[in-house]
PDB file of N, CA and C in Angstrom:
ATOM      1  N   UNK A   1      78.664  12.378 -71.581  1.00  0.00           N
ATOM      2  CA  UNK A   1      77.294  12.406 -72.027  1.00  0.00           C
ATOM      3  C   UNK A   1      77.276  12.837 -73.493  1.00  0.00           C
ATOM      4  N   UNK A   2      76.441  12.161 -74.279  1.00  0.00           N
ATOM      5  CA  UNK A   2      76.314  12.482 -75.695  1.00  0.00           C
ATOM      6  C   UNK A   2      75.544  13.783 -75.878  1.00  0.00           C
ATOM      7  N   UNK A   3      75.977  14.616 -76.811  1.00  0.00           N
ATOM      8  CA  UNK A   3      75.221  15.849 -77.059  1.00  0.00           C
ATOM      9  C   UNK A   3      73.890  15.522 -77.729  1.00  0.00           C
ATOM     10  N   UNK A   4      72.868  16.260 -77.360  1.00  0.00           N
ATOM     11  CA  UNK A   4      71.546  16.054 -77.937  1.00  0.00           C
ATOM     12  C   UNK A   4      71.470  16.696 -79.316  1.00  0.00           C
ATOM     13  N   UNK A   5      70.957  15.965 -80.296  1.00  0.00           N
ATOM     14  CA  UNK A   5      70.784  16.560 -81.621  1.00  0.00           C
ATOM     15  C   UNK A   5      69.547  17.447 -81.646  1.00  0.00           C
ATOM     16  N   UNK A   6      69.502  18.371 -82.566  1.00  0.00           N
ATOM     17  CA  UNK A   6      68.287  19.159 -82.783  1.00  0.00           C
ATOM     18  C   UNK A   6      67.394  18.372 -83.730  1.00  0.00           C
ATOM     19  N   UNK A   7      66.233  17.963 -83.240  1.00  0.00           N
ATOM     20  CA  UNK A   7      65.304  17.156 -84.010  1.00  0.00           C
ATOM     21  C   UNK A   7      63.936  17.822 -84.034  1.00  0.00           C
ATOM     22  N   UNK A   8      63.156  17.506 -85.058  1.00  0.00           N
ATOM     23  CA  UNK A   8      61.776  17.983 -85.094  1.00  0.00           C
ATOM     24  C   UNK A   8      60.930  17.069 -84.200  1.00  0.00           C
ATOM     25  N   UNK A   9      59.732  17.502 -83.905  1.00  0.00           N
ATOM     26  CA  UNK A   9      58.833  16.700 -83.082  1.00  0.00           C
ATOM     27  C   UNK A   9      58.535  15.357 -83.718  1.00  0.00           C
ATOM     28  N   UNK A  10      58.341  15.330 -85.016  1.00  0.00           N
ATOM     29  CA  UNK A  10      58.031  14.076 -85.713  1.00  0.00           C
ATOM     30  C   UNK A  10      59.219  13.126 -85.699  1.00  0.00           C
ATOM     31  N   UNK A  11      60.430  13.656 -85.793  1.00  0.00           N
ATOM     32  CA  UNK A  11      61.623  12.806 -85.710  1.00  0.00           C
ATOM     33  C   UNK A  11      61.749  12.213 -84.310  1.00  0.00           C
ATOM     34  N   UNK A  12      61.442  13.000 -83.287  1.00  0.00           N
ATOM     35  CA  UNK A  12      61.494  12.513 -81.910  1.00  0.00           C
ATOM     36  C   UNK A  12      60.472  11.407 -81.708  1.00  0.00           C
ATOM     37  N   UNK A  13      59.269  11.576 -82.264  1.00  0.00           N
ATOM     38  CA  UNK A  13      58.236  10.545 -82.151  1.00  0.00           C
ATOM     39  C   UNK A  13      58.715   9.247 -82.785  1.00  0.00           C
ATOM     40  N   UNK A  14      59.381   9.316 -83.935  1.00  0.00           N
ATOM     41  CA  UNK A  14      59.891   8.109 -84.594  1.00  0.00           C
ATOM     42  C   UNK A  14      60.904   7.382 -83.714  1.00  0.00           C
ATOM     43  N   UNK A  15      61.763   8.140 -83.024  1.00  0.00           N
ATOM     44  CA  UNK A  15      62.751   7.521 -82.143  1.00  0.00           C
ATOM     45  C   UNK A  15      62.042   6.826 -80.970  1.00  0.00           C
ATOM     46  N   UNK A  16      61.090   7.518 -80.357  1.00  0.00           N
ATOM     47  CA  UNK A  16      60.371   6.910 -79.240  1.00  0.00           C
ATOM     48  C   UNK A  16      59.566   5.693 -79.691  1.00  0.00           C
ATOM     49  N   UNK A  17      59.004   5.729 -80.900  1.00  0.00           N
ATOM     50  CA  UNK A  17      58.282   4.560 -81.416  1.00  0.00           C
ATOM     51  C   UNK A  17      59.224   3.370 -81.572  1.00  0.00           C
ATOM     52  N   UNK A  18      60.457   3.613 -81.968  1.00  0.00           N
ATOM     53  CA  UNK A  18      61.423   2.521 -82.091  1.00  0.00           C
ATOM     54  C   UNK A  18      61.797   1.950 -80.727  1.00  0.00           C
ATOM     55  N   UNK A  19      61.522   2.709 -79.673  1.00  0.00           N
ATOM     56  CA  UNK A  19      61.803   2.261 -78.306  1.00  0.00           C
ATOM     57  C   UNK A  19      60.565   1.695 -77.611  1.00  0.00           C
ATOM     58  N   UNK A  20      59.483   1.478 -78.369  1.00  0.00           N
ATOM     59  CA  UNK A  20      58.303   0.836 -77.808  1.00  0.00           C
ATOM     60  C   UNK A  20      57.151   1.749 -77.440  1.00  0.00           C
ATOM     61  N   UNK A  21      57.270   3.042 -77.631  1.00  0.00           N
ATOM     62  CA  UNK A  21      56.186   3.984 -77.335  1.00  0.00           C
ATOM     63  C   UNK A  21      55.226   4.021 -78.512  1.00  0.00           C
ATOM     64  N   UNK A  22      53.949   4.305 -78.236  1.00  0.00           N
ATOM     65  CA  UNK A  22      52.930   4.366 -79.286  1.00  0.00           C
ATOM     66  C   UNK A  22      52.222   5.712 -79.234  1.00  0.00           C
ATOM     67  N   UNK A  23      51.824   6.198 -80.402  1.00  0.00           N
ATOM     68  CA  UNK A  23      51.062   7.443 -80.468  1.00  0.00           C
ATOM     69  C   UNK A  23      49.646   7.150 -79.982  1.00  0.00           C
ATOM     70  N   UNK A  24      49.221   7.856 -78.938  1.00  0.00           N
ATOM     71  CA  UNK A  24      47.878   7.678 -78.393  1.00  0.00           C
ATOM     72  C   UNK A  24      46.906   8.641 -79.056  1.00  0.00           C
ATOM     73  N   UNK A  25      47.345   9.866 -79.233  1.00  0.00           N
ATOM     74  CA  UNK A  25      46.487  10.877 -79.849  1.00  0.00           C
ATOM     75  C   UNK A  25      47.337  12.078 -80.240  1.00  0.00           C
ATOM     76  N   UNK A  26      46.712  12.931 -81.013  1.00  0.00           N
ATOM     77  CA  UNK A  26      47.342  14.189 -81.406  1.00  0.00           C
ATOM     78  C   UNK A  26      46.361  15.294 -81.082  1.00  0.00           C
ATOM     79  N   UNK A  27      46.804  16.254 -80.323  1.00  0.00           N
ATOM     80  CA  UNK A  27      45.939  17.346 -79.906  1.00  0.00           C
ATOM     81  C   UNK A  27      46.640  18.653 -80.240  1.00  0.00           C
ATOM     82  N   UNK A  28      46.124  19.386 -81.209  1.00  0.00           N
ATOM     83  CA  UNK A  28      46.751  20.648 -81.582  1.00  0.00           C
ATOM     84  C   UNK A  28      48.151  20.416 -82.110  1.00  0.00           C
ATOM     85  N   UNK A  29      49.115  21.055 -81.502  1.00  0.00           N
ATOM     86  CA  UNK A  29      50.495  20.931 -81.956  1.00  0.00           C
ATOM     87  C   UNK A  29      51.309  19.974 -81.091  1.00  0.00           C
ATOM     88  N   UNK A  30      50.644  19.061 -80.370  1.00  0.00           N
ATOM     89  CA  UNK A  30      51.349  18.098 -79.532  1.00  0.00           C
ATOM     90  C   UNK A  30      50.924  16.678 -79.885  1.00  0.00           C
ATOM     91  N   UNK A  31      51.886  15.768 -79.823  1.00  0.00           N
ATOM     92  CA  UNK A  31      51.657  14.356 -80.072  1.00  0.00           C
ATOM     93  C   UNK A  31      51.872  13.638 -78.750  1.00  0.00           C
ATOM     94  N   UNK A  32      50.866  12.889 -78.291  1.00  0.00           N
ATOM     95  CA  UNK A  32      50.926  12.226 -76.992  1.00  0.00           C
ATOM     96  C   UNK A  32      51.279  10.761 -77.207  1.00  0.00           C
ATOM     97  N   UNK A  33      52.323  10.313 -76.505  1.00  0.00           N
ATOM     98  CA  UNK A  33      52.806   8.934 -76.601  1.00  0.00           C
ATOM     99  C   UNK A  33      52.568   8.200 -75.291  1.00  0.00           C
ATOM    100  N   UNK A  34      52.241   6.909 -75.381  1.00  0.00           N
ATOM    101  CA  UNK A  34      52.068   6.059 -74.204  1.00  0.00           C
ATOM    102  C   UNK A  34      52.837   4.766 -74.431  1.00  0.00           C
ATOM    103  N   UNK A  35      53.095   4.054 -73.325  1.00  0.00           N
ATOM    104  CA  UNK A  35      53.804   2.779 -73.406  1.00  0.00           C
ATOM    105  C   UNK A  35      53.226   1.852 -72.360  1.00  0.00           C
ATOM    106  N   UNK A  36      52.946   0.617 -72.754  1.00  0.00           N
ATOM    107  CA  UNK A  36      52.466  -0.371 -71.800  1.00  0.00           C
ATOM    108  C   UNK A  36      53.513  -0.582 -70.717  1.00  0.00           C
ATOM    109  N   UNK A  37      53.074  -0.630 -69.476  1.00  0.00           N
ATOM    110  CA  UNK A  37      53.985  -0.842 -68.360  1.00  0.00           C
ATOM    111  C   UNK A  37      54.613   0.434 -67.823  1.00  0.00           C
ATOM    112  N   UNK A  38      54.299   1.562 -68.425  1.00  0.00           N
ATOM    113  CA  UNK A  38      54.840   2.838 -67.969  1.00  0.00           C
ATOM    114  C   UNK A  38      53.689   3.745 -67.568  1.00  0.00           C
ATOM    115  N   UNK A  39      53.829   4.381 -66.423  1.00  0.00           N
ATOM    116  CA  UNK A  39      52.776   5.300 -65.975  1.00  0.00           C
ATOM    117  C   UNK A  39      52.918   6.679 -66.610  1.00  0.00           C
ATOM    118  N   UNK A  40      54.019   6.903 -67.309  1.00  0.00           N
ATOM    119  CA  UNK A  40      54.271   8.210 -67.921  1.00  0.00           C
ATOM    120  C   UNK A  40      53.584   8.321 -69.279  1.00  0.00           C
ATOM    121  N   UNK A  41      53.170   9.527 -69.608  1.00  0.00           N
ATOM    122  CA  UNK A  41      52.753   9.860 -70.970  1.00  0.00           C
ATOM    123  C   UNK A  41      53.679  10.978 -71.435  1.00  0.00           C
ATOM    124  N   UNK A  42      54.055  10.919 -72.681  1.00  0.00           N
ATOM    125  CA  UNK A  42      54.959  11.922 -73.237  1.00  0.00           C
ATOM    126  C   UNK A  42      54.180  12.816 -74.186  1.00  0.00           C
ATOM    127  N   UNK A  43      54.271  14.102 -73.981  1.00  0.00           N
ATOM    128  CA  UNK A  43      53.623  15.078 -74.843  1.00  0.00           C
ATOM    129  C   UNK A  43      54.707  15.780 -75.654  1.00  0.00           C
ATOM    130  N   UNK A  44      54.863  15.346 -76.895  1.00  0.00           N
ATOM    131  CA  UNK A  44      55.932  15.844 -77.765  1.00  0.00           C
ATOM    132  C   UNK A  44      55.393  16.997 -78.605  1.00  0.00           C
ATOM    133  N   UNK A  45      55.985  18.185 -78.488  1.00  0.00           N
ATOM    134  CA  UNK A  45      55.538  19.294 -79.329  1.00  0.00           C
ATOM    135  C   UNK A  45      55.937  19.054 -80.783  1.00  0.00           C
ATOM    136  N   UNK A  46      55.026  19.313 -81.688  1.00  0.00           N
ATOM    137  CA  UNK A  46      55.306  19.133 -83.112  1.00  0.00           C
ATOM    138  C   UNK A  46      55.909  20.416 -83.662  1.00  0.00           C
ATOM    139  N   UNK A  47      57.094  20.741 -83.150  1.00  0.00           N
ATOM    140  CA  UNK A  47      57.807  21.951 -83.563  1.00  0.00           C
ATOM    141  C   UNK A  47      59.040  21.536 -84.341  1.00  0.00           C
ATOM    142  N   UNK A  48      59.602  22.498 -85.013  1.00  0.00           N
ATOM    143  CA  UNK A  48      60.843  22.247 -85.730  1.00  0.00           C
ATOM    144  C   UNK A  48      61.788  23.368 -85.424  1.00  0.00           C
ATOM    145  N   UNK A  49      62.842  23.213 -84.763  1.00  0.00           N
ATOM    146  CA  UNK A  49      63.216  22.044 -83.972  1.00  0.00           C
ATOM    147  C   UNK A  49      62.651  22.146 -82.550  1.00  0.00           C
ATOM    148  N   UNK A  50      62.669  21.020 -81.849  1.00  0.00           N
ATOM    149  CA  UNK A  50      62.272  20.990 -80.437  1.00  0.00           C
ATOM    150  C   UNK A  50      63.487  21.410 -79.613  1.00  0.00           C
ATOM    151  N   UNK A  51      63.266  22.261 -78.628  1.00  0.00           N
ATOM    152  CA  UNK A  51      64.363  22.746 -77.789  1.00  0.00           C
ATOM    153  C   UNK A  51      65.048  21.570 -77.083  1.00  0.00           C
ATOM    154  N   UNK A  52      66.345  21.676 -76.920  1.00  0.00           N
ATOM    155  CA  UNK A  52      67.103  20.593 -76.290  1.00  0.00           C
ATOM    156  C   UNK A  52      66.652  20.336 -74.849  1.00  0.00           C
ATOM    157  N   UNK A  53      66.293  21.366 -74.130  1.00  0.00           N
ATOM    158  CA  UNK A  53      65.813  21.188 -72.755  1.00  0.00           C
ATOM    159  C   UNK A  53      64.509  20.414 -72.713  1.00  0.00           C
ATOM    160  N   UNK A  54      63.634  20.667 -73.669  1.00  0.00           N
ATOM    161  CA  UNK A  54      62.372  19.938 -73.766  1.00  0.00           C
ATOM    162  C   UNK A  54      62.639  18.476 -74.095  1.00  0.00           C
ATOM    163  N   UNK A  55      63.543  18.223 -75.025  1.00  0.00           N
ATOM    164  CA  UNK A  55      63.894  16.855 -75.387  1.00  0.00           C
ATOM    165  C   UNK A  55      64.498  16.130 -74.191  1.00  0.00           C
ATOM    166  N   UNK A  56      65.374  16.797 -73.458  1.00  0.00           N
ATOM    167  CA  UNK A  56      65.993  16.180 -72.280  1.00  0.00           C
ATOM    168  C   UNK A  56      64.923  15.808 -71.252  1.00  0.00           C
ATOM    169  N   UNK A  57      63.919  16.666 -71.085  1.00  0.00           N
ATOM    170  CA  UNK A  57      62.824  16.390 -70.153  1.00  0.00           C
ATOM    171  C   UNK A  57      62.010  15.177 -70.607  1.00  0.00           C
ATOM    172  N   UNK A  58      61.756  15.055 -71.902  1.00  0.00           N
ATOM    173  CA  UNK A  58      61.031  13.895 -72.433  1.00  0.00           C
ATOM    174  C   UNK A  58      61.822  12.606 -72.218  1.00  0.00           C
ATOM    175  N   UNK A  59      63.120  12.671 -72.433  1.00  0.00           N
ATOM    176  CA  UNK A  59      63.979  11.497 -72.236  1.00  0.00           C
ATOM    177  C   UNK A  59      63.945  11.065 -70.777  1.00  0.00           C
ATOM    178  N   UNK A  60      64.018  12.025 -69.871  1.00  0.00           N
ATOM    179  CA  UNK A  60      63.977  11.732 -68.440  1.00  0.00           C
ATOM    180  C   UNK A  60      62.631  11.113 -68.049  1.00  0.00           C
ATOM    181  N   UNK A  61      61.535  11.662 -68.594  1.00  0.00           N
ATOM    182  CA  UNK A  61      60.199  11.144 -68.283  1.00  0.00           C
ATOM    183  C   UNK A  61      60.019   9.723 -68.816  1.00  0.00           C
ATOM    184  N   UNK A  62      60.699   9.397 -69.916  1.00  0.00           N
ATOM    185  CA  UNK A  62      60.621   8.057 -70.494  1.00  0.00           C
ATOM    186  C   UNK A  62      61.530   7.074 -69.775  1.00  0.00           C
ATOM    187  N   UNK A  63      62.240   7.543 -68.763  1.00  0.00           N
ATOM    188  CA  UNK A  63      63.154   6.719 -67.962  1.00  0.00           C
ATOM    189  C   UNK A  63      64.289   6.157 -68.824  1.00  0.00           C
ATOM    190  N   UNK A  64      64.823   7.018 -69.681  1.00  0.00           N
ATOM    191  CA  UNK A  64      65.950   6.672 -70.534  1.00  0.00           C
ATOM    192  C   UNK A  64      67.128   7.565 -70.195  1.00  0.00           C
ATOM    193  N   UNK A  65      68.289   7.181 -70.693  1.00  0.00           N
ATOM    194  CA  UNK A  65      69.445   8.065 -70.608  1.00  0.00           C
ATOM    195  C   UNK A  65      69.594   8.763 -71.962  1.00  0.00           C
ATOM    196  N   UNK A  66      70.308   9.864 -71.966  1.00  0.00           N
ATOM    197  CA  UNK A  66      70.559  10.589 -73.209  1.00  0.00           C
ATOM    198  C   UNK A  66      71.309   9.686 -74.192  1.00  0.00           C
ATOM    199  N   UNK A  67      72.254   8.912 -73.692  1.00  0.00           N
ATOM    200  CA  UNK A  67      73.027   8.014 -74.558  1.00  0.00           C
ATOM    201  C   UNK A  67      72.136   6.975 -75.228  1.00  0.00           C
ATOM    202  N   UNK A  68      71.170   6.418 -74.483  1.00  0.00           N
ATOM    203  CA  UNK A  68      70.245   5.437 -75.059  1.00  0.00           C
ATOM    204  C   UNK A  68      69.403   6.074 -76.158  1.00  0.00           C
ATOM    205  N   UNK A  69      68.924   7.289 -75.907  1.00  0.00           N
ATOM    206  CA  UNK A  69      68.111   7.977 -76.905  1.00  0.00           C
ATOM    207  C   UNK A  69      68.925   8.292 -78.153  1.00  0.00           C
ATOM    208  N   UNK A  70      70.121   8.798 -77.985  1.00  0.00           N
ATOM    209  CA  UNK A  70      70.976   9.162 -79.125  1.00  0.00           C
ATOM    210  C   UNK A  70      71.320   7.907 -79.929  1.00  0.00           C
ATOM    211  N   UNK A  71      71.590   6.796 -79.247  1.00  0.00           N
ATOM    212  CA  UNK A  71      71.894   5.541 -79.954  1.00  0.00           C
ATOM    213  C   UNK A  71      70.698   5.093 -80.781  1.00  0.00           C
ATOM    214  N   UNK A  72      69.485   5.213 -80.230  1.00  0.00           N
ATOM    215  CA  UNK A  72      68.275   4.835 -80.967  1.00  0.00           C
ATOM    216  C   UNK A  72      68.063   5.774 -82.150  1.00  0.00           C
ATOM    217  N   UNK A  73      68.350   7.049 -81.967  1.00  0.00           N
ATOM    218  CA  UNK A  73      68.194   8.025 -83.052  1.00  0.00           C
ATOM    219  C   UNK A  73      69.198   7.754 -84.174  1.00  0.00           C
ATOM    220  N   UNK A  74      70.383   7.342 -83.821  1.00  0.00           N
ATOM    221  CA  UNK A  74      71.411   7.054 -84.827  1.00  0.00           C
ATOM    222  C   UNK A  74      71.065   5.826 -85.658  1.00  0.00           C
ATOM    223  N   UNK A  75      70.276   4.895 -85.084  1.00  0.00           N
ATOM    224  CA  UNK A  75      69.907   3.674 -85.800  1.00  0.00           C
ATOM    225  C   UNK A  75      68.862   3.930 -86.871  1.00  0.00           C
ATOM    226  N   UNK A  76      68.130   5.037 -86.752  1.00  0.00           N
ATOM    227  CA  UNK A  76      67.068   5.318 -87.737  1.00  0.00           C
ATOM    228  C   UNK A  76      67.611   5.949 -88.991  1.00  0.00           C
TER     229      UNK A  76
END
């Protein structure tokens, strides 16, 4: 398994946007992402950095693997 990088909330949003997620709204210190065809919504904290456990939970909710997320992050 690829190690998770320490990323800010905005960097995480950019990676998810490259994977087809869209910003639905921003409420306080959280950015909410949605994707057509997915019943999940992702609430990304706009912190610097986001805890690795929180990032892992977001990846799981997006129905991705850590390797897929890391590969998408490396492409940016």
